[in-house]
N, C-alpha and C. Protein backbone atom coordinates (compact mmCIF):
# COMPACT_ATOMS: atom_id res chain seq x y z
N UNK A 1 -149.02 -171.78 104.02
CA UNK A 1 -149.96 -170.69 103.99
C UNK A 1 -150.89 -170.82 105.20
N UNK A 2 -150.97 -169.75 105.96
CA UNK A 2 -151.80 -169.69 107.16
C UNK A 2 -152.97 -168.76 106.85
N UNK A 3 -154.15 -169.17 107.29
CA UNK A 3 -155.38 -168.40 107.02
C UNK A 3 -156.13 -168.17 108.32
N UNK A 4 -156.63 -166.96 108.48
CA UNK A 4 -157.55 -166.67 109.56
C UNK A 4 -158.56 -165.65 109.07
N UNK A 5 -159.59 -165.45 109.86
CA UNK A 5 -160.63 -164.51 109.46
C UNK A 5 -161.27 -163.87 110.68
N UNK A 6 -162.00 -162.79 110.42
CA UNK A 6 -162.75 -162.13 111.48
C UNK A 6 -163.23 -160.76 111.05
N UNK A 7 -163.91 -160.10 111.98
CA UNK A 7 -164.43 -158.75 111.71
C UNK A 7 -163.32 -157.71 111.86
N UNK A 8 -162.49 -157.85 112.89
CA UNK A 8 -161.39 -156.93 113.16
C UNK A 8 -161.87 -155.49 113.11
N UNK A 9 -162.93 -155.20 113.85
CA UNK A 9 -163.58 -153.90 113.80
C UNK A 9 -162.77 -152.80 114.47
N UNK A 10 -162.41 -152.98 115.71
CA UNK A 10 -161.52 -152.05 116.40
C UNK A 10 -160.28 -152.83 116.79
N UNK A 11 -159.21 -152.62 116.07
CA UNK A 11 -157.99 -153.39 116.30
C UNK A 11 -157.43 -153.09 117.69
N UNK A 12 -157.12 -154.13 118.44
CA UNK A 12 -156.60 -153.99 119.81
C UNK A 12 -155.49 -155.01 120.03
N UNK A 13 -154.79 -154.96 121.18
CA UNK A 13 -153.68 -155.88 121.43
C UNK A 13 -154.04 -157.36 121.31
N UNK A 14 -155.27 -157.72 121.63
CA UNK A 14 -155.68 -159.12 121.46
C UNK A 14 -155.57 -159.53 120.00
N UNK A 15 -155.98 -158.65 119.10
CA UNK A 15 -155.88 -158.94 117.67
C UNK A 15 -154.42 -159.02 117.22
N UNK A 16 -153.62 -158.03 117.58
CA UNK A 16 -152.24 -158.00 117.08
C UNK A 16 -151.42 -159.18 117.62
N UNK A 17 -151.64 -159.56 118.86
CA UNK A 17 -150.93 -160.72 119.42
C UNK A 17 -151.39 -162.01 118.73
N UNK A 18 -152.69 -162.12 118.49
CA UNK A 18 -153.25 -163.28 117.80
C UNK A 18 -152.67 -163.40 116.39
N UNK A 19 -152.64 -162.30 115.66
CA UNK A 19 -152.13 -162.33 114.29
C UNK A 19 -150.63 -162.64 114.25
N UNK A 20 -149.88 -162.12 115.21
CA UNK A 20 -148.44 -162.45 115.29
C UNK A 20 -148.22 -163.93 115.54
N UNK A 21 -149.00 -164.50 116.44
CA UNK A 21 -148.89 -165.94 116.71
C UNK A 21 -149.29 -166.76 115.49
N UNK A 22 -150.34 -166.33 114.81
CA UNK A 22 -150.78 -167.03 113.60
C UNK A 22 -149.68 -167.00 112.54
N UNK A 23 -149.05 -165.86 112.38
CA UNK A 23 -147.99 -165.70 111.35
C UNK A 23 -146.82 -166.64 111.60
N UNK A 24 -146.53 -166.91 112.86
CA UNK A 24 -145.42 -167.79 113.22
C UNK A 24 -145.66 -169.24 112.79
N UNK A 25 -146.89 -169.57 112.41
CA UNK A 25 -147.24 -170.94 112.03
C UNK A 25 -146.96 -171.25 110.56
N UNK A 26 -146.48 -170.27 109.80
CA UNK A 26 -146.21 -170.52 108.38
C UNK A 26 -145.42 -169.40 107.74
N UNK A 27 -145.34 -169.46 106.42
CA UNK A 27 -144.56 -168.49 105.66
C UNK A 27 -145.37 -167.27 105.23
N UNK A 28 -146.68 -167.44 105.10
CA UNK A 28 -147.56 -166.38 104.62
C UNK A 28 -148.84 -166.39 105.46
N UNK A 29 -149.28 -165.21 105.89
CA UNK A 29 -150.54 -165.09 106.62
C UNK A 29 -151.55 -164.33 105.78
N UNK A 30 -152.67 -164.99 105.51
CA UNK A 30 -153.79 -164.37 104.79
C UNK A 30 -154.92 -164.14 105.79
N UNK A 31 -155.43 -162.92 105.82
CA UNK A 31 -156.53 -162.58 106.72
C UNK A 31 -157.75 -162.23 105.87
N UNK A 32 -158.84 -162.94 106.10
CA UNK A 32 -160.10 -162.65 105.44
C UNK A 32 -160.97 -161.84 106.40
N UNK A 33 -161.43 -160.69 105.93
CA UNK A 33 -162.19 -159.76 106.75
C UNK A 33 -163.66 -159.79 106.33
N UNK A 34 -164.53 -159.88 107.32
CA UNK A 34 -165.97 -159.81 107.03
C UNK A 34 -166.31 -158.46 106.41
N UNK A 35 -167.13 -158.49 105.38
CA UNK A 35 -167.62 -157.25 104.76
C UNK A 35 -168.51 -156.51 105.76
N UNK A 36 -168.80 -155.26 105.45
CA UNK A 36 -169.68 -154.47 106.31
C UNK A 36 -171.04 -155.16 106.48
N UNK A 37 -171.58 -155.69 105.39
CA UNK A 37 -172.89 -156.34 105.44
C UNK A 37 -172.86 -157.57 106.34
N UNK A 38 -171.80 -158.36 106.24
CA UNK A 38 -171.75 -159.56 107.09
C UNK A 38 -171.51 -159.21 108.55
N UNK A 39 -170.74 -158.15 108.83
CA UNK A 39 -170.56 -157.71 110.22
C UNK A 39 -171.90 -157.27 110.80
N UNK A 40 -172.67 -156.49 110.05
CA UNK A 40 -174.00 -156.05 110.54
C UNK A 40 -174.89 -157.25 110.82
N UNK A 41 -174.85 -158.25 109.94
CA UNK A 41 -175.69 -159.44 110.12
C UNK A 41 -175.28 -160.22 111.37
N UNK A 42 -173.99 -160.23 111.67
CA UNK A 42 -173.48 -160.99 112.82
C UNK A 42 -173.55 -160.20 114.12
N UNK A 43 -173.13 -158.94 114.08
CA UNK A 43 -172.98 -158.14 115.30
C UNK A 43 -174.13 -157.18 115.58
N UNK A 44 -174.92 -156.86 114.58
CA UNK A 44 -176.04 -155.95 114.79
C UNK A 44 -175.88 -154.65 114.03
N UNK A 45 -176.93 -153.81 114.08
CA UNK A 45 -176.98 -152.61 113.24
C UNK A 45 -175.95 -151.52 113.57
N UNK A 46 -175.39 -151.51 114.76
CA UNK A 46 -174.42 -150.49 115.12
C UNK A 46 -173.00 -150.80 114.68
N UNK A 47 -172.81 -151.90 114.02
CA UNK A 47 -171.47 -152.34 113.63
C UNK A 47 -171.41 -152.52 112.13
N UNK A 48 -170.28 -152.42 111.51
CA UNK A 48 -168.97 -152.17 112.09
C UNK A 48 -168.75 -150.69 112.41
N UNK A 49 -167.77 -150.43 113.21
CA UNK A 49 -167.37 -149.06 113.53
C UNK A 49 -166.62 -148.48 112.33
N UNK A 50 -165.65 -149.23 111.81
CA UNK A 50 -164.87 -148.83 110.64
C UNK A 50 -165.36 -149.59 109.41
N UNK A 51 -165.43 -148.93 108.25
CA UNK A 51 -165.85 -149.63 107.03
C UNK A 51 -164.81 -150.68 106.61
N UNK A 52 -165.26 -151.64 105.82
CA UNK A 52 -164.43 -152.78 105.43
C UNK A 52 -163.10 -152.38 104.79
N UNK A 53 -163.10 -151.38 103.95
CA UNK A 53 -161.86 -150.98 103.28
C UNK A 53 -160.83 -150.46 104.29
N UNK A 54 -161.29 -149.74 105.30
CA UNK A 54 -160.38 -149.22 106.32
C UNK A 54 -159.89 -150.33 107.24
N UNK A 55 -160.78 -151.28 107.58
CA UNK A 55 -160.35 -152.42 108.40
C UNK A 55 -159.30 -153.23 107.65
N UNK A 56 -159.50 -153.43 106.35
CA UNK A 56 -158.53 -154.16 105.54
C UNK A 56 -157.21 -153.40 105.44
N UNK A 57 -157.29 -152.09 105.29
CA UNK A 57 -156.09 -151.25 105.21
C UNK A 57 -155.25 -151.35 106.49
N UNK A 58 -155.92 -151.28 107.63
CA UNK A 58 -155.22 -151.36 108.92
C UNK A 58 -154.54 -152.72 109.07
N UNK A 59 -155.26 -153.79 108.74
CA UNK A 59 -154.68 -155.13 108.85
C UNK A 59 -153.50 -155.29 107.90
N UNK A 60 -153.62 -154.80 106.68
CA UNK A 60 -152.55 -154.93 105.69
C UNK A 60 -151.28 -154.19 106.12
N UNK A 61 -151.42 -153.18 106.96
CA UNK A 61 -150.27 -152.42 107.43
C UNK A 61 -149.47 -153.15 108.52
N UNK A 62 -150.05 -154.20 109.09
CA UNK A 62 -149.36 -154.94 110.15
C UNK A 62 -148.26 -155.82 109.57
N UNK A 63 -147.14 -155.84 110.24
CA UNK A 63 -146.00 -156.65 109.79
C UNK A 63 -146.34 -158.13 109.68
N UNK A 64 -147.18 -158.64 110.55
CA UNK A 64 -147.49 -160.07 110.57
C UNK A 64 -148.38 -160.50 109.40
N UNK A 65 -149.08 -159.55 108.80
CA UNK A 65 -150.09 -159.87 107.77
C UNK A 65 -149.50 -159.69 106.37
N UNK A 66 -149.63 -160.74 105.54
CA UNK A 66 -149.11 -160.66 104.18
C UNK A 66 -150.18 -160.25 103.17
N UNK A 67 -151.38 -160.80 103.30
CA UNK A 67 -152.47 -160.51 102.37
C UNK A 67 -153.78 -160.38 103.13
N UNK A 68 -154.67 -159.52 102.60
CA UNK A 68 -155.99 -159.33 103.18
C UNK A 68 -157.02 -159.45 102.06
N UNK A 69 -158.10 -160.12 102.36
CA UNK A 69 -159.23 -160.19 101.44
C UNK A 69 -160.50 -159.91 102.22
N UNK A 70 -161.51 -159.45 101.52
CA UNK A 70 -162.81 -159.17 102.15
C UNK A 70 -163.82 -160.17 101.60
N UNK A 71 -164.61 -160.76 102.49
CA UNK A 71 -165.65 -161.68 102.04
C UNK A 71 -167.01 -161.21 102.53
N UNK A 72 -168.04 -161.52 101.73
CA UNK A 72 -169.37 -160.98 101.98
C UNK A 72 -170.32 -161.98 102.65
N UNK A 73 -169.95 -163.25 102.69
CA UNK A 73 -170.81 -164.25 103.30
C UNK A 73 -170.75 -164.16 104.82
N UNK A 74 -171.66 -164.85 105.50
CA UNK A 74 -171.63 -164.87 106.97
C UNK A 74 -170.45 -165.66 107.50
N UNK A 75 -169.96 -166.61 106.71
CA UNK A 75 -168.78 -167.39 107.10
C UNK A 75 -167.77 -167.38 105.96
N UNK A 76 -166.51 -167.70 106.26
CA UNK A 76 -165.48 -167.73 105.22
C UNK A 76 -165.36 -169.09 104.52
N UNK A 77 -166.36 -169.94 104.66
CA UNK A 77 -166.26 -171.31 104.15
C UNK A 77 -165.89 -171.36 102.67
N UNK A 78 -166.52 -170.55 101.83
CA UNK A 78 -166.23 -170.56 100.39
C UNK A 78 -164.79 -170.13 100.12
N UNK A 79 -164.31 -169.13 100.85
CA UNK A 79 -162.92 -168.66 100.67
C UNK A 79 -161.94 -169.76 101.07
N UNK A 80 -162.21 -170.40 102.19
CA UNK A 80 -161.33 -171.48 102.67
C UNK A 80 -161.33 -172.65 101.69
N UNK A 81 -162.50 -173.00 101.17
CA UNK A 81 -162.61 -174.11 100.22
C UNK A 81 -161.83 -173.82 98.94
N UNK A 82 -161.74 -172.54 98.54
CA UNK A 82 -160.96 -172.17 97.36
C UNK A 82 -159.47 -172.15 97.65
N UNK A 83 -159.08 -171.64 98.80
CA UNK A 83 -157.66 -171.48 99.14
C UNK A 83 -157.02 -172.75 99.67
N UNK A 84 -157.78 -173.53 100.43
CA UNK A 84 -157.26 -174.73 101.11
C UNK A 84 -155.91 -174.45 101.78
N UNK A 85 -155.95 -173.62 102.82
CA UNK A 85 -154.70 -173.26 103.51
C UNK A 85 -154.06 -174.47 104.20
N UNK A 86 -152.74 -174.39 104.38
CA UNK A 86 -152.02 -175.43 105.11
C UNK A 86 -152.38 -175.39 106.59
N UNK A 87 -152.62 -174.18 107.08
CA UNK A 87 -152.97 -173.99 108.49
C UNK A 87 -154.17 -173.04 108.57
N UNK A 88 -155.22 -173.49 109.22
CA UNK A 88 -156.41 -172.67 109.47
C UNK A 88 -156.39 -172.32 110.95
N UNK A 89 -156.43 -171.03 111.25
CA UNK A 89 -156.28 -170.57 112.62
C UNK A 89 -157.54 -169.81 113.07
N UNK A 90 -157.97 -170.10 114.29
CA UNK A 90 -159.06 -169.35 114.92
C UNK A 90 -158.69 -169.11 116.38
N UNK A 91 -159.39 -168.17 116.98
CA UNK A 91 -159.17 -167.87 118.40
C UNK A 91 -159.71 -168.97 119.28
N UNK A 92 -159.18 -169.04 120.48
CA UNK A 92 -159.54 -170.07 121.44
C UNK A 92 -160.98 -170.03 121.90
N UNK A 93 -161.71 -168.98 121.55
CA UNK A 93 -163.12 -168.92 121.92
C UNK A 93 -163.98 -169.76 120.98
N UNK A 94 -163.38 -170.37 119.96
CA UNK A 94 -164.07 -171.28 119.04
C UNK A 94 -163.64 -172.70 119.36
N UNK A 95 -164.59 -173.59 119.61
CA UNK A 95 -164.24 -174.99 119.81
C UNK A 95 -163.89 -175.60 118.45
N UNK A 96 -163.07 -176.65 118.43
CA UNK A 96 -162.64 -177.23 117.16
C UNK A 96 -163.79 -177.60 116.22
N UNK A 97 -164.90 -178.08 116.76
CA UNK A 97 -166.01 -178.47 115.89
C UNK A 97 -166.81 -177.27 115.38
N UNK A 98 -166.56 -176.07 115.91
CA UNK A 98 -167.24 -174.85 115.45
C UNK A 98 -166.44 -174.11 114.39
N UNK A 99 -165.20 -174.49 114.16
CA UNK A 99 -164.34 -173.75 113.24
C UNK A 99 -164.77 -174.02 111.80
N UNK A 100 -165.26 -172.97 111.17
CA UNK A 100 -165.72 -173.05 109.78
C UNK A 100 -164.53 -173.32 108.87
N UNK A 101 -164.69 -174.27 107.96
CA UNK A 101 -163.63 -174.62 107.03
C UNK A 101 -162.74 -175.74 107.49
N UNK A 102 -162.96 -176.17 108.72
CA UNK A 102 -162.14 -177.23 109.31
C UNK A 102 -162.15 -178.49 108.45
N UNK A 103 -163.34 -178.93 108.06
CA UNK A 103 -163.46 -180.17 107.28
C UNK A 103 -162.71 -180.06 105.95
N UNK A 104 -162.89 -178.95 105.25
CA UNK A 104 -162.22 -178.76 103.97
C UNK A 104 -160.70 -178.74 104.14
N UNK A 105 -160.25 -178.01 105.14
CA UNK A 105 -158.81 -177.90 105.38
C UNK A 105 -158.17 -179.22 105.74
N UNK A 106 -158.79 -179.92 106.66
CA UNK A 106 -158.23 -181.22 107.08
C UNK A 106 -158.29 -182.25 105.95
N UNK A 107 -159.37 -182.22 105.15
CA UNK A 107 -159.50 -183.17 104.03
C UNK A 107 -158.39 -182.94 103.00
N UNK A 108 -157.89 -181.70 102.91
CA UNK A 108 -156.81 -181.39 101.97
C UNK A 108 -155.43 -181.55 102.61
N UNK A 109 -155.38 -182.08 103.83
CA UNK A 109 -154.10 -182.32 104.50
C UNK A 109 -153.63 -181.18 105.37
N UNK A 110 -154.46 -180.17 105.55
CA UNK A 110 -154.07 -179.04 106.39
C UNK A 110 -154.36 -179.31 107.86
N UNK A 111 -153.91 -178.39 108.69
CA UNK A 111 -154.18 -178.53 110.12
C UNK A 111 -154.98 -177.33 110.62
N UNK A 112 -155.69 -177.54 111.72
CA UNK A 112 -156.47 -176.48 112.34
C UNK A 112 -155.85 -176.18 113.70
N UNK A 113 -155.58 -174.90 113.94
CA UNK A 113 -154.92 -174.49 115.17
C UNK A 113 -155.80 -173.47 115.88
N UNK A 114 -155.96 -173.64 117.17
CA UNK A 114 -156.70 -172.71 118.01
C UNK A 114 -155.71 -171.94 118.86
N UNK A 115 -155.73 -170.62 118.76
CA UNK A 115 -154.83 -169.77 119.55
C UNK A 115 -155.64 -169.17 120.70
N UNK A 116 -155.18 -169.34 121.93
CA UNK A 116 -155.94 -168.82 123.07
C UNK A 116 -156.19 -167.31 122.97
N UNK A 117 -157.39 -166.91 123.35
CA UNK A 117 -157.74 -165.49 123.36
C UNK A 117 -156.92 -164.77 124.42
N UNK A 118 -156.63 -163.50 124.17
CA UNK A 118 -155.90 -162.67 125.13
C UNK A 118 -156.91 -162.10 126.12
N UNK A 119 -156.81 -162.48 127.39
CA UNK A 119 -157.78 -162.00 128.37
C UNK A 119 -157.81 -160.48 128.48
N UNK A 120 -158.99 -159.94 128.66
CA UNK A 120 -159.12 -158.51 128.88
C UNK A 120 -159.19 -157.67 127.63
N UNK A 121 -159.21 -158.30 126.46
CA UNK A 121 -159.26 -157.53 125.21
C UNK A 121 -160.40 -158.04 124.34
N UNK A 122 -161.36 -157.17 124.08
CA UNK A 122 -162.45 -157.52 123.17
C UNK A 122 -163.04 -156.24 122.61
N UNK A 123 -163.39 -156.28 121.34
CA UNK A 123 -163.99 -155.11 120.69
C UNK A 123 -165.29 -154.73 121.38
N UNK A 124 -166.11 -155.71 121.70
CA UNK A 124 -167.39 -155.42 122.36
C UNK A 124 -167.18 -154.72 123.69
N UNK A 125 -166.16 -155.14 124.45
CA UNK A 125 -165.87 -154.51 125.75
C UNK A 125 -165.38 -153.08 125.56
N UNK A 126 -164.60 -152.83 124.52
CA UNK A 126 -164.12 -151.48 124.23
C UNK A 126 -165.30 -150.56 123.91
N UNK A 127 -166.20 -151.04 123.07
CA UNK A 127 -167.38 -150.25 122.70
C UNK A 127 -168.25 -149.98 123.92
N UNK A 128 -168.44 -150.99 124.74
CA UNK A 128 -169.25 -150.83 125.96
C UNK A 128 -168.63 -149.81 126.90
N UNK A 129 -167.32 -149.86 127.07
CA UNK A 129 -166.63 -148.90 127.95
C UNK A 129 -166.74 -147.48 127.38
N UNK A 130 -166.60 -147.33 126.10
CA UNK A 130 -166.70 -146.00 125.46
C UNK A 130 -168.11 -145.44 125.63
N UNK A 131 -169.12 -146.29 125.49
CA UNK A 131 -170.49 -145.83 125.66
C UNK A 131 -170.76 -145.38 127.10
N UNK A 132 -170.17 -146.08 128.08
CA UNK A 132 -170.33 -145.68 129.48
C UNK A 132 -169.70 -144.32 129.74
N UNK A 133 -168.52 -144.09 129.14
CA UNK A 133 -167.82 -142.83 129.32
C UNK A 133 -168.58 -141.66 128.68
N UNK A 134 -169.27 -141.95 127.60
CA UNK A 134 -169.95 -140.86 126.89
C UNK A 134 -171.32 -140.52 127.47
N UNK A 135 -171.75 -141.37 128.38
CA UNK A 135 -172.99 -140.96 128.82
C UNK A 135 -173.89 -141.48 129.73
């Protein structure tokens, strides 16, 4: 069982490539999505662009994703502690000591994998470019 999490606000090629790579690390990929409230707390009042149910729906439609859950905390630590995935995956922009749930996962015999970020793809950059175009 492979687990990853994030806001996944505006799905882009960086996300789909990341999720495909994560899926290759096991038999099942579970994606935990930040709730609207947690996205606002992390990213600010203008986010998320899409509500949590729609972000979850889009992720669930991807071939690489087997299950989606929504969590309301600022971090997925409680979800990870309950699931204890065999593989915990985060993007390369997180250093190993910053990966939430790492201690729980490793203590249960799981591994933590960092997948390099896809250069040139970021939700924040997409929003910034759209704002420049609009005005």
